[in-house]
Amino acid sequence: MKLVITIVWFAVAPLALEFGVAFRGRSRWTDATLEGELRRFLADREDWPTRAEFEAAGEISLLRAVYAHGGAALWRHRLGMTPT
């Protein structure tokens, strides 16, 4: 059963990200850890990065966590960022 759950997670999470759908699964991310990592990643920015920028920086798991915890619009607002 554990193997099936793992396969489903890896199949569904990327699709949810692709279509901008929030997907909640087991995660190491809490709102506090997510906010801290976002602040670190976004420290020198004024605007919200594109998906391609998250990927280029090796931070796609951070972007997935954003979608799993309310979505980009919520976190942009919380952090005072402007959309791209």
N, C-alpha and C. Protein backbone atom coordinates (compact mmCIF):
# COMPACT_ATOMS: atom_id res chain seq x y z
N MET A 1 0.82 -1.20 0.00
CA MET A 1 0.00 0.00 0.00
C MET A 1 0.86 1.25 0.00
N LYS A 2 1.94 1.25 0.73
CA LYS A 2 2.81 2.42 0.79
C LYS A 2 3.39 2.77 -0.58
N LEU A 3 3.76 1.77 -1.36
CA LEU A 3 4.30 1.99 -2.69
C LEU A 3 3.25 2.67 -3.58
N VAL A 4 2.02 2.23 -3.50
CA VAL A 4 0.96 2.81 -4.31
C VAL A 4 0.76 4.27 -3.95
N ILE A 5 0.77 4.60 -2.67
CA ILE A 5 0.61 5.98 -2.23
C ILE A 5 1.75 6.84 -2.75
N THR A 6 2.95 6.33 -2.70
CA THR A 6 4.11 7.06 -3.20
C THR A 6 3.99 7.33 -4.68
N ILE A 7 3.58 6.34 -5.44
CA ILE A 7 3.42 6.51 -6.89
C ILE A 7 2.34 7.54 -7.18
N VAL A 8 1.24 7.49 -6.46
CA VAL A 8 0.17 8.46 -6.66
C VAL A 8 0.68 9.87 -6.36
N TRP A 9 1.42 10.04 -5.27
CA TRP A 9 1.94 11.35 -4.91
C TRP A 9 2.80 11.91 -6.05
N PHE A 10 3.72 11.11 -6.55
CA PHE A 10 4.61 11.59 -7.60
C PHE A 10 3.89 11.80 -8.93
N ALA A 11 2.75 11.17 -9.12
CA ALA A 11 1.99 11.37 -10.34
C ALA A 11 1.07 12.59 -10.23
N VAL A 12 0.46 12.80 -9.07
CA VAL A 12 -0.53 13.85 -8.90
C VAL A 12 0.10 15.20 -8.61
N ALA A 13 1.11 15.25 -7.77
CA ALA A 13 1.70 16.54 -7.38
C ALA A 13 2.20 17.35 -8.58
N PRO A 14 2.94 16.77 -9.52
CA PRO A 14 3.36 17.58 -10.68
C PRO A 14 2.20 18.06 -11.53
N LEU A 15 1.16 17.24 -11.66
CA LEU A 15 -0.02 17.67 -12.42
C LEU A 15 -0.72 18.82 -11.72
N ALA A 16 -0.82 18.74 -10.39
CA ALA A 16 -1.44 19.83 -9.64
C ALA A 16 -0.65 21.11 -9.84
N LEU A 17 0.67 21.01 -9.79
CA LEU A 17 1.53 22.18 -10.00
C LEU A 17 1.35 22.73 -11.41
N GLU A 18 1.32 21.85 -12.39
CA GLU A 18 1.18 22.25 -13.79
C GLU A 18 -0.09 23.06 -14.02
N PHE A 19 -1.19 22.65 -13.35
CA PHE A 19 -2.47 23.29 -13.58
C PHE A 19 -2.84 24.29 -12.49
N GLY A 20 -1.89 24.54 -11.56
CA GLY A 20 -2.13 25.54 -10.53
C GLY A 20 -3.17 25.15 -9.51
N VAL A 21 -3.30 23.86 -9.26
CA VAL A 21 -4.29 23.35 -8.32
C VAL A 21 -3.59 23.04 -7.00
N ALA A 22 -4.17 23.50 -5.90
CA ALA A 22 -3.59 23.20 -4.60
C ALA A 22 -3.72 21.69 -4.35
N PHE A 23 -2.67 21.10 -3.88
CA PHE A 23 -2.66 19.66 -3.60
C PHE A 23 -2.01 19.46 -2.24
N ARG A 24 -2.73 18.87 -1.34
CA ARG A 24 -2.19 18.63 -0.01
C ARG A 24 -1.80 17.17 0.12
N GLY A 25 -0.59 16.98 0.46
CA GLY A 25 -0.08 15.65 0.74
C GLY A 25 0.79 15.72 1.98
N ARG A 26 1.41 14.63 2.32
CA ARG A 26 2.33 14.68 3.45
C ARG A 26 3.49 15.57 3.06
N SER A 27 3.91 16.41 3.99
CA SER A 27 4.92 17.38 3.65
C SER A 27 5.75 17.73 4.86
N ARG A 28 6.99 18.10 4.59
CA ARG A 28 7.85 18.60 5.67
C ARG A 28 7.58 20.07 5.92
N TRP A 29 6.80 20.68 5.05
CA TRP A 29 6.58 22.11 5.12
C TRP A 29 5.47 22.48 6.10
N THR A 30 5.78 23.42 6.94
CA THR A 30 4.76 24.10 7.74
C THR A 30 4.70 25.52 7.20
N ASP A 31 3.70 26.28 7.60
CA ASP A 31 3.65 27.67 7.15
C ASP A 31 4.90 28.43 7.58
N ALA A 32 5.37 28.14 8.79
CA ALA A 32 6.56 28.83 9.30
C ALA A 32 7.82 28.48 8.50
N THR A 33 8.03 27.18 8.21
CA THR A 33 9.23 26.81 7.44
C THR A 33 9.13 27.32 6.00
N LEU A 34 7.93 27.28 5.46
CA LEU A 34 7.73 27.78 4.11
C LEU A 34 8.01 29.29 4.04
N GLU A 35 7.49 30.03 4.99
CA GLU A 35 7.74 31.47 4.99
C GLU A 35 9.23 31.77 5.12
N GLY A 36 9.92 31.06 6.00
CA GLY A 36 11.35 31.28 6.16
C GLY A 36 12.13 30.99 4.89
N GLU A 37 11.81 29.88 4.22
CA GLU A 37 12.51 29.54 2.98
C GLU A 37 12.17 30.51 1.85
N LEU A 38 10.93 30.95 1.80
CA LEU A 38 10.55 31.94 0.78
C LEU A 38 11.28 33.27 1.03
N ARG A 39 11.35 33.69 2.27
CA ARG A 39 12.06 34.94 2.58
C ARG A 39 13.54 34.84 2.19
N ARG A 40 14.14 33.68 2.43
CA ARG A 40 15.54 33.46 2.05
C ARG A 40 15.69 33.55 0.54
N PHE A 41 14.83 32.82 -0.18
CA PHE A 41 14.91 32.76 -1.64
C PHE A 41 14.59 34.11 -2.29
N LEU A 42 13.68 34.85 -1.69
CA LEU A 42 13.20 36.09 -2.30
C LEU A 42 13.89 37.34 -1.75
N ALA A 43 14.92 37.17 -0.95
CA ALA A 43 15.54 38.28 -0.23
C ALA A 43 15.93 39.45 -1.11
N ASP A 44 16.42 39.21 -2.29
CA ASP A 44 16.88 40.29 -3.17
C ASP A 44 15.89 40.65 -4.26
N ARG A 45 14.65 40.22 -4.11
CA ARG A 45 13.66 40.44 -5.16
C ARG A 45 12.53 41.34 -4.67
N GLU A 46 11.91 42.01 -5.62
CA GLU A 46 10.71 42.78 -5.33
C GLU A 46 9.47 42.14 -5.96
N ASP A 47 9.70 41.33 -6.99
CA ASP A 47 8.59 40.69 -7.69
C ASP A 47 8.64 39.17 -7.48
N TRP A 48 7.49 38.55 -7.67
CA TRP A 48 7.37 37.10 -7.49
C TRP A 48 8.02 36.40 -8.68
N PRO A 49 8.88 35.39 -8.43
CA PRO A 49 9.53 34.69 -9.53
C PRO A 49 8.56 33.83 -10.35
N THR A 50 8.90 33.62 -11.58
CA THR A 50 8.14 32.72 -12.44
C THR A 50 8.49 31.27 -12.06
N ARG A 51 7.69 30.37 -12.57
CA ARG A 51 7.99 28.95 -12.35
C ARG A 51 9.38 28.62 -12.88
N ALA A 52 9.72 29.15 -14.04
CA ALA A 52 11.03 28.90 -14.64
C ALA A 52 12.16 29.39 -13.73
N GLU A 53 11.94 30.50 -13.05
CA GLU A 53 12.97 31.01 -12.14
C GLU A 53 13.11 30.12 -10.91
N PHE A 54 11.99 29.61 -10.39
CA PHE A 54 12.07 28.65 -9.28
C PHE A 54 12.86 27.42 -9.75
N GLU A 55 12.55 26.92 -10.93
CA GLU A 55 13.24 25.73 -11.46
C GLU A 55 14.73 25.99 -11.66
N ALA A 56 15.07 27.13 -12.27
CA ALA A 56 16.48 27.44 -12.54
C ALA A 56 17.30 27.55 -11.26
N ALA A 57 16.65 27.98 -10.18
CA ALA A 57 17.33 28.12 -8.89
C ALA A 57 17.34 26.82 -8.10
N GLY A 58 16.74 25.75 -8.67
CA GLY A 58 16.68 24.48 -7.95
C GLY A 58 15.69 24.50 -6.80
N GLU A 59 14.67 25.35 -6.91
CA GLU A 59 13.70 25.53 -5.83
C GLU A 59 12.29 25.08 -6.22
N ILE A 60 12.18 24.09 -7.08
CA ILE A 60 10.85 23.64 -7.50
C ILE A 60 10.07 23.02 -6.33
N SER A 61 10.76 22.39 -5.38
CA SER A 61 10.05 21.85 -4.22
C SER A 61 9.48 22.98 -3.37
N LEU A 62 10.15 24.11 -3.35
CA LEU A 62 9.62 25.27 -2.64
C LEU A 62 8.35 25.77 -3.32
N LEU A 63 8.36 25.82 -4.63
CA LEU A 63 7.16 26.23 -5.37
C LEU A 63 6.02 25.23 -5.15
N ARG A 64 6.33 23.96 -5.14
CA ARG A 64 5.29 22.95 -4.87
C ARG A 64 4.70 23.16 -3.48
N ALA A 65 5.54 23.50 -2.52
CA ALA A 65 5.06 23.76 -1.17
C ALA A 65 4.16 24.99 -1.15
N VAL A 66 4.50 26.00 -1.93
CA VAL A 66 3.66 27.20 -2.03
C VAL A 66 2.26 26.80 -2.48
N TYR A 67 2.17 25.98 -3.54
CA TYR A 67 0.86 25.56 -4.02
C TYR A 67 0.13 24.67 -3.03
N ALA A 68 0.86 23.89 -2.26
CA ALA A 68 0.24 23.01 -1.27
C ALA A 68 -0.24 23.78 -0.04
N HIS A 69 0.24 24.99 0.13
CA HIS A 69 -0.10 25.78 1.31
C HIS A 69 -0.77 27.09 0.94
N GLY A 70 -1.70 27.05 0.03
CA GLY A 70 -2.52 28.21 -0.24
C GLY A 70 -2.34 28.86 -1.60
N GLY A 71 -1.22 28.59 -2.27
CA GLY A 71 -1.01 29.12 -3.60
C GLY A 71 -0.16 30.38 -3.63
N ALA A 72 0.28 30.71 -4.82
CA ALA A 72 1.20 31.84 -5.01
C ALA A 72 0.57 33.17 -4.62
N ALA A 73 -0.69 33.39 -4.94
CA ALA A 73 -1.33 34.67 -4.62
C ALA A 73 -1.32 34.93 -3.11
N LEU A 74 -1.60 33.91 -2.33
CA LEU A 74 -1.59 34.04 -0.87
C LEU A 74 -0.20 34.41 -0.37
N TRP A 75 0.82 33.71 -0.84
CA TRP A 75 2.18 33.96 -0.36
C TRP A 75 2.74 35.28 -0.88
N ARG A 76 2.39 35.65 -2.10
CA ARG A 76 2.78 36.98 -2.60
C ARG A 76 2.23 38.06 -1.68
N HIS A 77 0.97 37.91 -1.33
CA HIS A 77 0.33 38.88 -0.45
C HIS A 77 0.98 38.90 0.92
N ARG A 78 1.19 37.74 1.53
CA ARG A 78 1.81 37.65 2.85
C ARG A 78 3.19 38.29 2.89
N LEU A 79 3.93 38.14 1.80
CA LEU A 79 5.31 38.62 1.77
C LEU A 79 5.44 40.00 1.12
N GLY A 80 4.33 40.57 0.70
CA GLY A 80 4.36 41.90 0.10
C GLY A 80 5.02 41.96 -1.26
N MET A 81 4.92 40.88 -2.01
CA MET A 81 5.54 40.81 -3.34
C MET A 81 4.53 41.22 -4.41
N THR A 82 5.03 41.67 -5.55
CA THR A 82 4.17 41.97 -6.69
C THR A 82 4.20 40.80 -7.66
N PRO A 83 3.08 40.51 -8.33
CA PRO A 83 3.09 39.41 -9.30
C PRO A 83 3.92 39.76 -10.53
N THR A 84 4.36 38.73 -11.25
CA THR A 84 5.11 38.95 -12.49
C THR A 84 4.20 38.89 -13.68
